[in-house]
Amino acid sequence: MIYWYRFTGYPAYRQYRKEIKDRITTATEDEDLNYYLAVNEAVCNAARYGTQGVLDTAIQIKLKIEPDALQTKIFSSTKAFDMMAYRNQLRALAQDETTKSLDWDKWLQDADHGRGIWLMLAACDFICMEKSGQFIELHTPLPFQDRIVKTQIGHLVSRFFIDDRGMII
């Protein structure tokens, strides 16, 4: 089943949040709301980095629920972002002997930004971001409750993919 949500500005997300939460929690049976929190973070980022600002950026959510998988795709027109360079930074962390076994929250500690990507990676089987940041897809198998949420940097970075005009790299 596919559900579409379209709205302008982050405050307008409020009107869909409960319905989206109910659909996700029914599908995942995740009492800790990990996947739902990842979706919320992606929507927040879509507005925060939108070209029209938090109040005026048009956002679309495509929620696809299948018997064995859940996929959420969030679209918005965002400021230019070099996703390849960002992924390279993450890969360098995953290969560094001092950081690869750290939990992401320990590595970030008191940082005031940067938690969103790690929340999404921890909650999902994988994520795929459009090369310039215009959309993000979150994927997880169902049933979700059988998964163990891992938080080590070295484990999470391998879940990050980039969509370059339909080609996953």
N, C-alpha and C. Protein backbone atom coordinates (compact mmCIF):
# COMPACT_ATOMS: atom_id res chain seq x y z
N MET A 1 0.84 -1.17 0.00
CA MET A 1 0.00 0.00 0.00
C MET A 1 0.89 1.24 0.00
N ILE A 2 0.52 2.22 -0.79
CA ILE A 2 1.28 3.47 -0.88
C ILE A 2 0.40 4.62 -0.39
N TYR A 3 0.99 5.45 0.46
CA TYR A 3 0.31 6.64 0.99
C TYR A 3 1.17 7.86 0.66
N TRP A 4 0.52 8.91 0.15
CA TRP A 4 1.20 10.17 -0.18
C TRP A 4 0.73 11.26 0.77
N TYR A 5 1.68 12.09 1.19
CA TYR A 5 1.38 13.26 2.01
C TYR A 5 2.10 14.44 1.39
N ARG A 6 1.38 15.53 1.17
CA ARG A 6 1.97 16.74 0.58
C ARG A 6 1.59 17.94 1.44
N PHE A 7 2.58 18.78 1.74
CA PHE A 7 2.31 19.95 2.57
C PHE A 7 3.42 20.97 2.36
N THR A 8 3.18 22.17 2.82
CA THR A 8 4.16 23.24 2.70
C THR A 8 4.54 23.73 4.09
N GLY A 9 5.83 23.67 4.40
CA GLY A 9 6.34 24.12 5.68
C GLY A 9 6.24 23.07 6.77
N TYR A 10 7.24 23.06 7.62
CA TYR A 10 7.28 22.06 8.70
C TYR A 10 6.06 22.09 9.61
N PRO A 11 5.53 23.27 9.99
CA PRO A 11 4.35 23.27 10.87
C PRO A 11 3.15 22.52 10.28
N ALA A 12 3.02 22.48 8.96
CA ALA A 12 1.90 21.78 8.33
C ALA A 12 2.03 20.26 8.45
N TYR A 13 3.22 19.78 8.76
CA TYR A 13 3.44 18.35 8.96
C TYR A 13 2.60 17.82 10.12
N ARG A 14 2.32 18.70 11.09
CA ARG A 14 1.55 18.32 12.27
C ARG A 14 0.24 17.61 11.92
N GLN A 15 -0.42 18.07 10.87
CA GLN A 15 -1.72 17.50 10.52
C GLN A 15 -1.62 16.06 10.03
N TYR A 16 -0.44 15.60 9.62
CA TYR A 16 -0.25 14.24 9.11
C TYR A 16 0.52 13.35 10.08
N ARG A 17 1.16 13.95 11.05
CA ARG A 17 2.08 13.22 11.92
C ARG A 17 1.43 12.01 12.60
N LYS A 18 0.26 12.16 13.17
CA LYS A 18 -0.38 11.05 13.88
C LYS A 18 -0.72 9.92 12.93
N GLU A 19 -1.26 10.25 11.77
CA GLU A 19 -1.60 9.20 10.80
C GLU A 19 -0.34 8.45 10.35
N ILE A 20 0.72 9.18 10.07
CA ILE A 20 1.97 8.55 9.66
C ILE A 20 2.52 7.68 10.79
N LYS A 21 2.51 8.20 12.00
CA LYS A 21 2.98 7.43 13.15
C LYS A 21 2.17 6.14 13.31
N ASP A 22 0.86 6.24 13.22
CA ASP A 22 0.01 5.06 13.36
C ASP A 22 0.30 4.03 12.28
N ARG A 23 0.47 4.48 11.05
CA ARG A 23 0.76 3.54 9.96
C ARG A 23 2.12 2.85 10.17
N ILE A 24 3.11 3.64 10.57
CA ILE A 24 4.45 3.09 10.78
C ILE A 24 4.47 2.14 11.97
N THR A 25 3.90 2.54 13.08
CA THR A 25 3.95 1.68 14.27
C THR A 25 3.12 0.41 14.08
N THR A 26 2.04 0.48 13.34
CA THR A 26 1.27 -0.72 13.04
C THR A 26 2.10 -1.67 12.18
N ALA A 27 2.80 -1.13 11.20
CA ALA A 27 3.62 -1.96 10.31
C ALA A 27 4.86 -2.52 11.01
N THR A 28 5.52 -1.70 11.82
CA THR A 28 6.79 -2.12 12.41
C THR A 28 6.64 -2.81 13.76
N GLU A 29 5.56 -2.53 14.48
CA GLU A 29 5.38 -3.02 15.84
C GLU A 29 6.57 -2.63 16.71
N ASP A 30 7.15 -1.47 16.42
CA ASP A 30 8.34 -0.97 17.11
C ASP A 30 7.91 -0.07 18.27
N GLU A 31 7.96 -0.60 19.47
CA GLU A 31 7.53 0.17 20.65
C GLU A 31 8.43 1.37 20.93
N ASP A 32 9.69 1.30 20.50
CA ASP A 32 10.62 2.41 20.73
C ASP A 32 10.51 3.49 19.66
N LEU A 33 9.72 3.27 18.63
CA LEU A 33 9.45 4.24 17.57
C LEU A 33 10.70 4.62 16.77
N ASN A 34 11.68 3.75 16.68
CA ASN A 34 12.93 4.07 15.99
C ASN A 34 12.71 4.52 14.55
N TYR A 35 11.95 3.76 13.78
CA TYR A 35 11.75 4.11 12.37
C TYR A 35 10.93 5.40 12.25
N TYR A 36 9.93 5.54 13.06
CA TYR A 36 9.11 6.76 13.05
C TYR A 36 9.97 7.99 13.37
N LEU A 37 10.86 7.87 14.35
CA LEU A 37 11.75 8.99 14.68
C LEU A 37 12.68 9.31 13.52
N ALA A 38 13.13 8.28 12.79
CA ALA A 38 13.97 8.51 11.62
C ALA A 38 13.21 9.28 10.54
N VAL A 39 11.95 8.93 10.34
CA VAL A 39 11.11 9.65 9.36
C VAL A 39 10.94 11.11 9.79
N ASN A 40 10.65 11.32 11.06
CA ASN A 40 10.50 12.69 11.57
C ASN A 40 11.76 13.51 11.35
N GLU A 41 12.90 12.90 11.59
CA GLU A 41 14.18 13.59 11.40
C GLU A 41 14.37 13.95 9.93
N ALA A 42 14.02 13.05 9.04
CA ALA A 42 14.15 13.32 7.60
C ALA A 42 13.23 14.45 7.16
N VAL A 43 12.01 14.48 7.69
CA VAL A 43 11.07 15.56 7.37
C VAL A 43 11.58 16.90 7.92
N CYS A 44 12.08 16.88 9.12
CA CYS A 44 12.65 18.09 9.73
C CYS A 44 13.80 18.63 8.87
N ASN A 45 14.69 17.73 8.43
CA ASN A 45 15.81 18.15 7.59
C ASN A 45 15.33 18.67 6.24
N ALA A 46 14.28 18.07 5.68
CA ALA A 46 13.74 18.53 4.40
C ALA A 46 13.29 19.99 4.51
N ALA A 47 12.68 20.32 5.64
CA ALA A 47 12.24 21.71 5.86
C ALA A 47 13.42 22.61 6.22
N ARG A 48 14.25 22.13 7.11
CA ARG A 48 15.38 22.94 7.62
C ARG A 48 16.34 23.36 6.50
N TYR A 49 16.60 22.45 5.57
CA TYR A 49 17.54 22.74 4.49
C TYR A 49 16.84 23.09 3.18
N GLY A 50 15.53 23.30 3.24
CA GLY A 50 14.77 23.65 2.06
C GLY A 50 15.13 25.03 1.52
N THR A 51 15.05 25.18 0.22
CA THR A 51 15.39 26.46 -0.41
C THR A 51 14.43 27.57 -0.03
N GLN A 52 13.22 27.23 0.38
CA GLN A 52 12.22 28.23 0.73
C GLN A 52 12.10 28.45 2.24
N GLY A 53 12.92 27.78 3.02
CA GLY A 53 12.89 27.94 4.47
C GLY A 53 11.93 27.00 5.15
N VAL A 54 12.02 26.92 6.46
CA VAL A 54 11.26 25.98 7.26
C VAL A 54 9.74 26.15 7.08
N LEU A 55 9.28 27.37 6.92
CA LEU A 55 7.84 27.63 6.84
C LEU A 55 7.25 27.49 5.44
N ASP A 56 8.09 27.58 4.40
CA ASP A 56 7.55 27.63 3.04
C ASP A 56 8.05 26.55 2.09
N THR A 57 8.86 25.63 2.55
CA THR A 57 9.34 24.57 1.67
C THR A 57 8.26 23.52 1.45
N ALA A 58 8.02 23.18 0.19
CA ALA A 58 7.07 22.12 -0.15
C ALA A 58 7.73 20.77 0.11
N ILE A 59 7.02 19.91 0.82
CA ILE A 59 7.54 18.60 1.20
C ILE A 59 6.53 17.54 0.80
N GLN A 60 7.04 16.44 0.28
CA GLN A 60 6.20 15.29 -0.05
C GLN A 60 6.76 14.06 0.66
N ILE A 61 5.87 13.23 1.15
CA ILE A 61 6.26 11.97 1.78
C ILE A 61 5.52 10.85 1.05
N LYS A 62 6.29 9.85 0.66
CA LYS A 62 5.71 8.64 0.07
C LYS A 62 6.00 7.50 1.04
N LEU A 63 4.96 6.97 1.63
CA LEU A 63 5.08 5.87 2.59
C LEU A 63 4.58 4.61 1.90
N LYS A 64 5.47 3.65 1.73
CA LYS A 64 5.13 2.40 1.05
C LYS A 64 5.27 1.25 2.04
N ILE A 65 4.14 0.58 2.31
CA ILE A 65 4.12 -0.52 3.26
C ILE A 65 3.80 -1.80 2.51
N GLU A 66 4.74 -2.74 2.59
CA GLU A 66 4.57 -4.05 1.97
C GLU A 66 4.61 -5.10 3.08
N PRO A 67 4.21 -6.33 2.80
CA PRO A 67 4.24 -7.34 3.86
C PRO A 67 5.62 -7.56 4.48
N ASP A 68 6.68 -7.38 3.69
CA ASP A 68 8.03 -7.67 4.22
C ASP A 68 8.97 -6.47 4.23
N ALA A 69 8.45 -5.28 3.94
CA ALA A 69 9.33 -4.11 3.89
C ALA A 69 8.54 -2.82 4.07
N LEU A 70 9.25 -1.82 4.56
CA LEU A 70 8.69 -0.48 4.73
C LEU A 70 9.67 0.50 4.12
N GLN A 71 9.16 1.37 3.26
CA GLN A 71 10.00 2.37 2.60
C GLN A 71 9.32 3.72 2.72
N THR A 72 10.10 4.73 3.10
CA THR A 72 9.58 6.09 3.17
C THR A 72 10.52 6.98 2.37
N LYS A 73 9.95 7.75 1.47
CA LYS A 73 10.74 8.66 0.64
C LYS A 73 10.24 10.07 0.90
N ILE A 74 11.16 10.96 1.27
CA ILE A 74 10.83 12.35 1.58
C ILE A 74 11.48 13.23 0.53
N PHE A 75 10.67 14.05 -0.14
CA PHE A 75 11.13 14.93 -1.20
C PHE A 75 11.01 16.39 -0.76
N SER A 76 11.98 17.20 -1.14
CA SER A 76 11.87 18.65 -1.00
C SER A 76 12.96 19.29 -1.85
N SER A 77 12.76 20.54 -2.16
CA SER A 77 13.79 21.29 -2.89
C SER A 77 14.74 21.86 -1.84
N THR A 78 15.94 21.28 -1.77
CA THR A 78 16.88 21.68 -0.72
C THR A 78 18.06 22.44 -1.30
N LYS A 79 18.76 23.09 -0.41
CA LYS A 79 19.98 23.80 -0.80
C LYS A 79 20.99 22.78 -1.31
N ALA A 80 21.83 23.21 -2.23
CA ALA A 80 22.84 22.31 -2.81
C ALA A 80 23.70 21.70 -1.72
N PHE A 81 23.97 20.41 -1.87
CA PHE A 81 24.75 19.68 -0.88
C PHE A 81 25.57 18.63 -1.60
N ASP A 82 26.83 18.51 -1.29
CA ASP A 82 27.70 17.53 -1.93
C ASP A 82 27.64 16.22 -1.15
N MET A 83 26.71 15.38 -1.56
CA MET A 83 26.49 14.12 -0.86
C MET A 83 27.69 13.18 -0.98
N MET A 84 28.38 13.23 -2.09
CA MET A 84 29.55 12.36 -2.27
C MET A 84 30.64 12.71 -1.25
N ALA A 85 30.91 13.99 -1.07
CA ALA A 85 31.92 14.41 -0.09
C ALA A 85 31.48 14.02 1.32
N TYR A 86 30.20 14.17 1.60
CA TYR A 86 29.68 13.81 2.92
C TYR A 86 29.85 12.31 3.18
N ARG A 87 29.49 11.50 2.19
CA ARG A 87 29.66 10.05 2.36
C ARG A 87 31.13 9.70 2.54
N ASN A 88 32.00 10.36 1.82
CA ASN A 88 33.44 10.11 1.99
C ASN A 88 33.90 10.43 3.41
N GLN A 89 33.36 11.48 4.00
CA GLN A 89 33.68 11.82 5.40
C GLN A 89 33.21 10.70 6.33
N LEU A 90 32.00 10.20 6.09
CA LEU A 90 31.48 9.11 6.92
C LEU A 90 32.31 7.85 6.75
N ARG A 91 32.70 7.55 5.52
CA ARG A 91 33.52 6.36 5.27
C ARG A 91 34.88 6.48 5.96
N ALA A 92 35.44 7.67 5.99
CA ALA A 92 36.72 7.86 6.68
C ALA A 92 36.56 7.56 8.17
N LEU A 93 35.44 7.97 8.77
CA LEU A 93 35.17 7.64 10.17
C LEU A 93 35.06 6.14 10.38
N ALA A 94 34.39 5.47 9.43
CA ALA A 94 34.16 4.03 9.54
C ALA A 94 35.45 3.23 9.37
N GLN A 95 36.44 3.80 8.72
CA GLN A 95 37.71 3.10 8.50
C GLN A 95 38.76 3.45 9.54
N ASP A 96 38.54 4.50 10.30
CA ASP A 96 39.50 4.94 11.30
C ASP A 96 39.41 4.01 12.52
N GLU A 97 40.54 3.50 12.94
CA GLU A 97 40.58 2.55 14.07
C GLU A 97 40.04 3.15 15.37
N THR A 98 40.17 4.45 15.54
CA THR A 98 39.72 5.07 16.79
C THR A 98 38.23 5.39 16.81
N THR A 99 37.60 5.50 15.64
CA THR A 99 36.18 5.87 15.61
C THR A 99 35.25 4.75 15.17
N LYS A 100 35.73 3.78 14.40
CA LYS A 100 34.81 2.80 13.81
C LYS A 100 34.02 1.98 14.82
N SER A 101 34.57 1.73 15.99
CA SER A 101 33.85 0.93 16.98
C SER A 101 33.08 1.79 17.99
N LEU A 102 33.19 3.09 17.87
CA LEU A 102 32.44 3.99 18.77
C LEU A 102 30.97 4.02 18.40
N ASP A 103 30.11 4.17 19.42
CA ASP A 103 28.71 4.47 19.15
C ASP A 103 28.65 5.91 18.66
N TRP A 104 27.78 6.17 17.69
CA TRP A 104 27.72 7.50 17.09
C TRP A 104 27.44 8.58 18.12
N ASP A 105 26.61 8.29 19.13
CA ASP A 105 26.28 9.33 20.11
C ASP A 105 27.49 9.68 20.98
N LYS A 106 28.38 8.74 21.20
CA LYS A 106 29.61 9.03 21.95
C LYS A 106 30.55 9.90 21.12
N TRP A 107 30.60 9.63 19.83
CA TRP A 107 31.46 10.39 18.94
C TRP A 107 30.97 11.84 18.83
N LEU A 108 29.67 12.04 18.74
CA LEU A 108 29.12 13.39 18.62
C LEU A 108 29.13 14.15 19.93
N GLN A 109 28.92 13.47 21.02
CA GLN A 109 28.85 14.02 22.37
C GLN A 109 28.02 15.29 22.45
N ASP A 110 28.65 16.44 22.53
CA ASP A 110 27.93 17.69 22.75
C ASP A 110 27.65 18.49 21.48
N ALA A 111 27.80 17.86 20.32
CA ALA A 111 27.55 18.57 19.06
C ALA A 111 26.10 19.03 18.99
N ASP A 112 25.87 20.19 18.40
CA ASP A 112 24.50 20.71 18.29
C ASP A 112 23.84 20.34 16.97
N HIS A 113 24.53 19.62 16.11
CA HIS A 113 23.93 19.13 14.86
C HIS A 113 24.65 17.84 14.44
N GLY A 114 24.08 17.15 13.46
CA GLY A 114 24.72 15.94 12.95
C GLY A 114 24.13 14.64 13.47
N ARG A 115 23.17 14.72 14.38
CA ARG A 115 22.59 13.50 14.93
C ARG A 115 21.59 12.83 14.00
N GLY A 116 20.97 13.59 13.15
CA GLY A 116 19.90 13.07 12.30
C GLY A 116 20.32 11.91 11.42
N ILE A 117 21.42 12.05 10.74
CA ILE A 117 21.87 10.99 9.83
C ILE A 117 22.11 9.70 10.61
N TRP A 118 22.68 9.82 11.81
CA TRP A 118 22.97 8.64 12.62
C TRP A 118 21.68 7.99 13.14
N LEU A 119 20.70 8.80 13.52
CA LEU A 119 19.40 8.25 13.93
C LEU A 119 18.77 7.46 12.79
N MET A 120 18.84 8.03 11.59
CA MET A 120 18.26 7.35 10.44
C MET A 120 19.00 6.05 10.12
N LEU A 121 20.32 6.10 10.13
CA LEU A 121 21.12 4.91 9.84
C LEU A 121 20.88 3.81 10.87
N ALA A 122 20.75 4.18 12.14
CA ALA A 122 20.53 3.18 13.18
C ALA A 122 19.16 2.53 13.08
N ALA A 123 18.16 3.27 12.64
CA ALA A 123 16.79 2.77 12.60
C ALA A 123 16.46 2.02 11.32
N CYS A 124 17.28 2.16 10.31
CA CYS A 124 16.95 1.60 8.99
C CYS A 124 17.95 0.53 8.56
N ASP A 125 17.47 -0.34 7.69
CA ASP A 125 18.35 -1.33 7.09
C ASP A 125 19.35 -0.61 6.18
N PHE A 126 18.85 0.41 5.46
CA PHE A 126 19.71 1.31 4.70
C PHE A 126 18.94 2.57 4.36
N ILE A 127 19.71 3.62 4.04
CA ILE A 127 19.11 4.86 3.55
C ILE A 127 19.79 5.21 2.23
N CYS A 128 19.05 5.91 1.39
CA CYS A 128 19.58 6.33 0.10
C CYS A 128 19.20 7.80 -0.09
N MET A 129 20.22 8.63 -0.30
CA MET A 129 19.97 10.05 -0.51
C MET A 129 20.29 10.42 -1.95
N GLU A 130 19.48 11.28 -2.51
CA GLU A 130 19.72 11.78 -3.86
C GLU A 130 21.03 12.57 -3.82
N LYS A 131 21.79 12.50 -4.89
CA LYS A 131 23.16 13.03 -4.94
C LYS A 131 23.27 14.48 -4.47
N SER A 132 22.26 15.31 -4.75
CA SER A 132 22.33 16.70 -4.31
C SER A 132 21.40 16.98 -3.13
N GLY A 133 20.80 15.93 -2.56
CA GLY A 133 19.99 16.09 -1.36
C GLY A 133 18.52 16.38 -1.57
N GLN A 134 17.98 16.16 -2.78
CA GLN A 134 16.59 16.51 -3.06
C GLN A 134 15.58 15.50 -2.50
N PHE A 135 16.04 14.29 -2.19
CA PHE A 135 15.19 13.32 -1.51
C PHE A 135 16.03 12.34 -0.73
N ILE A 136 15.37 11.70 0.20
CA ILE A 136 15.99 10.63 0.98
C ILE A 136 14.98 9.48 1.06
N GLU A 137 15.49 8.27 0.96
CA GLU A 137 14.66 7.07 1.13
C GLU A 137 15.15 6.32 2.35
N LEU A 138 14.22 5.92 3.19
CA LEU A 138 14.51 5.12 4.37
C LEU A 138 13.90 3.74 4.14
N HIS A 139 14.68 2.70 4.37
CA HIS A 139 14.22 1.33 4.12
C HIS A 139 14.45 0.46 5.35
N THR A 140 13.47 -0.38 5.64
CA THR A 140 13.64 -1.37 6.70
C THR A 140 12.82 -2.60 6.37
N PRO A 141 13.35 -3.78 6.70
CA PRO A 141 12.56 -4.99 6.51
C PRO A 141 11.50 -5.11 7.60
N LEU A 142 10.48 -5.86 7.31
CA LEU A 142 9.45 -6.17 8.31
C LEU A 142 9.45 -7.68 8.53
N PRO A 143 9.25 -8.17 9.73
CA PRO A 143 8.92 -7.39 10.92
C PRO A 143 10.15 -6.70 11.51
N PHE A 144 9.95 -5.49 11.97
CA PHE A 144 11.02 -4.66 12.52
C PHE A 144 11.50 -5.19 13.87
N GLN A 145 10.61 -5.75 14.67
CA GLN A 145 10.97 -6.13 16.04
C GLN A 145 12.06 -7.21 16.09
N ASP A 146 12.30 -7.90 15.00
CA ASP A 146 13.34 -8.92 15.00
C ASP A 146 14.74 -8.32 14.82
N ARG A 147 14.81 -7.04 14.55
CA ARG A 147 16.10 -6.39 14.31
C ARG A 147 16.75 -5.95 15.61
N ILE A 148 18.05 -5.95 15.60
CA ILE A 148 18.81 -5.39 16.71
C ILE A 148 19.37 -4.07 16.21
N VAL A 149 19.04 -2.99 16.88
CA VAL A 149 19.51 -1.68 16.46
C VAL A 149 20.98 -1.55 16.86
N LYS A 150 21.84 -1.37 15.85
CA LYS A 150 23.27 -1.22 16.08
C LYS A 150 23.64 0.25 15.93
N THR A 151 24.59 0.69 16.75
CA THR A 151 24.91 2.11 16.76
C THR A 151 26.39 2.42 16.52
N GLN A 152 27.22 1.41 16.24
CA GLN A 152 28.64 1.66 16.00
C GLN A 152 28.84 2.29 14.63
N ILE A 153 29.69 3.29 14.58
CA ILE A 153 29.95 4.03 13.34
C ILE A 153 30.34 3.10 12.20
N GLY A 154 31.25 2.18 12.45
CA GLY A 154 31.71 1.26 11.41
C GLY A 154 30.60 0.42 10.82
N HIS A 155 29.62 0.08 11.62
CA HIS A 155 28.49 -0.71 11.14
C HIS A 155 27.49 0.15 10.36
N LEU A 156 27.25 1.35 10.84
CA LEU A 156 26.20 2.19 10.26
C LEU A 156 26.55 2.78 8.90
N VAL A 157 27.79 3.15 8.69
CA VAL A 157 28.16 3.84 7.45
C VAL A 157 27.90 2.97 6.22
N SER A 158 28.02 1.66 6.37
CA SER A 158 27.78 0.77 5.23
C SER A 158 26.31 0.77 4.79
N ARG A 159 25.44 1.38 5.54
CA ARG A 159 24.01 1.46 5.21
C ARG A 159 23.66 2.72 4.41
N PHE A 160 24.63 3.53 4.11
CA PHE A 160 24.41 4.83 3.46
C PHE A 160 24.70 4.73 1.96
N PHE A 161 23.69 4.99 1.13
CA PHE A 161 23.84 4.93 -0.32
C PHE A 161 23.44 6.28 -0.93
N ILE A 162 23.87 6.47 -2.17
CA ILE A 162 23.56 7.70 -2.91
C ILE A 162 22.87 7.32 -4.22
N ASP A 163 21.82 8.07 -4.54
CA ASP A 163 21.10 7.90 -5.80
C ASP A 163 21.57 8.98 -6.76
N ASP A 164 22.20 8.56 -7.84
CA ASP A 164 22.68 9.48 -8.87
C ASP A 164 21.88 9.24 -10.14
N ARG A 165 20.77 9.99 -10.30
CA ARG A 165 19.86 9.86 -11.44
C ARG A 165 19.38 8.42 -11.62
N GLY A 166 18.98 7.79 -10.52
CA GLY A 166 18.43 6.45 -10.57
C GLY A 166 19.44 5.34 -10.38
N MET A 167 20.72 5.66 -10.42
CA MET A 167 21.75 4.66 -10.20
C MET A 167 22.20 4.75 -8.75
N ILE A 168 22.18 3.62 -8.05
CA ILE A 168 22.57 3.59 -6.65
C ILE A 168 24.08 3.36 -6.57
N ILE A 169 24.77 4.30 -5.91
CA ILE A 169 26.22 4.21 -5.79
C ILE A 169 26.65 4.29 -4.34
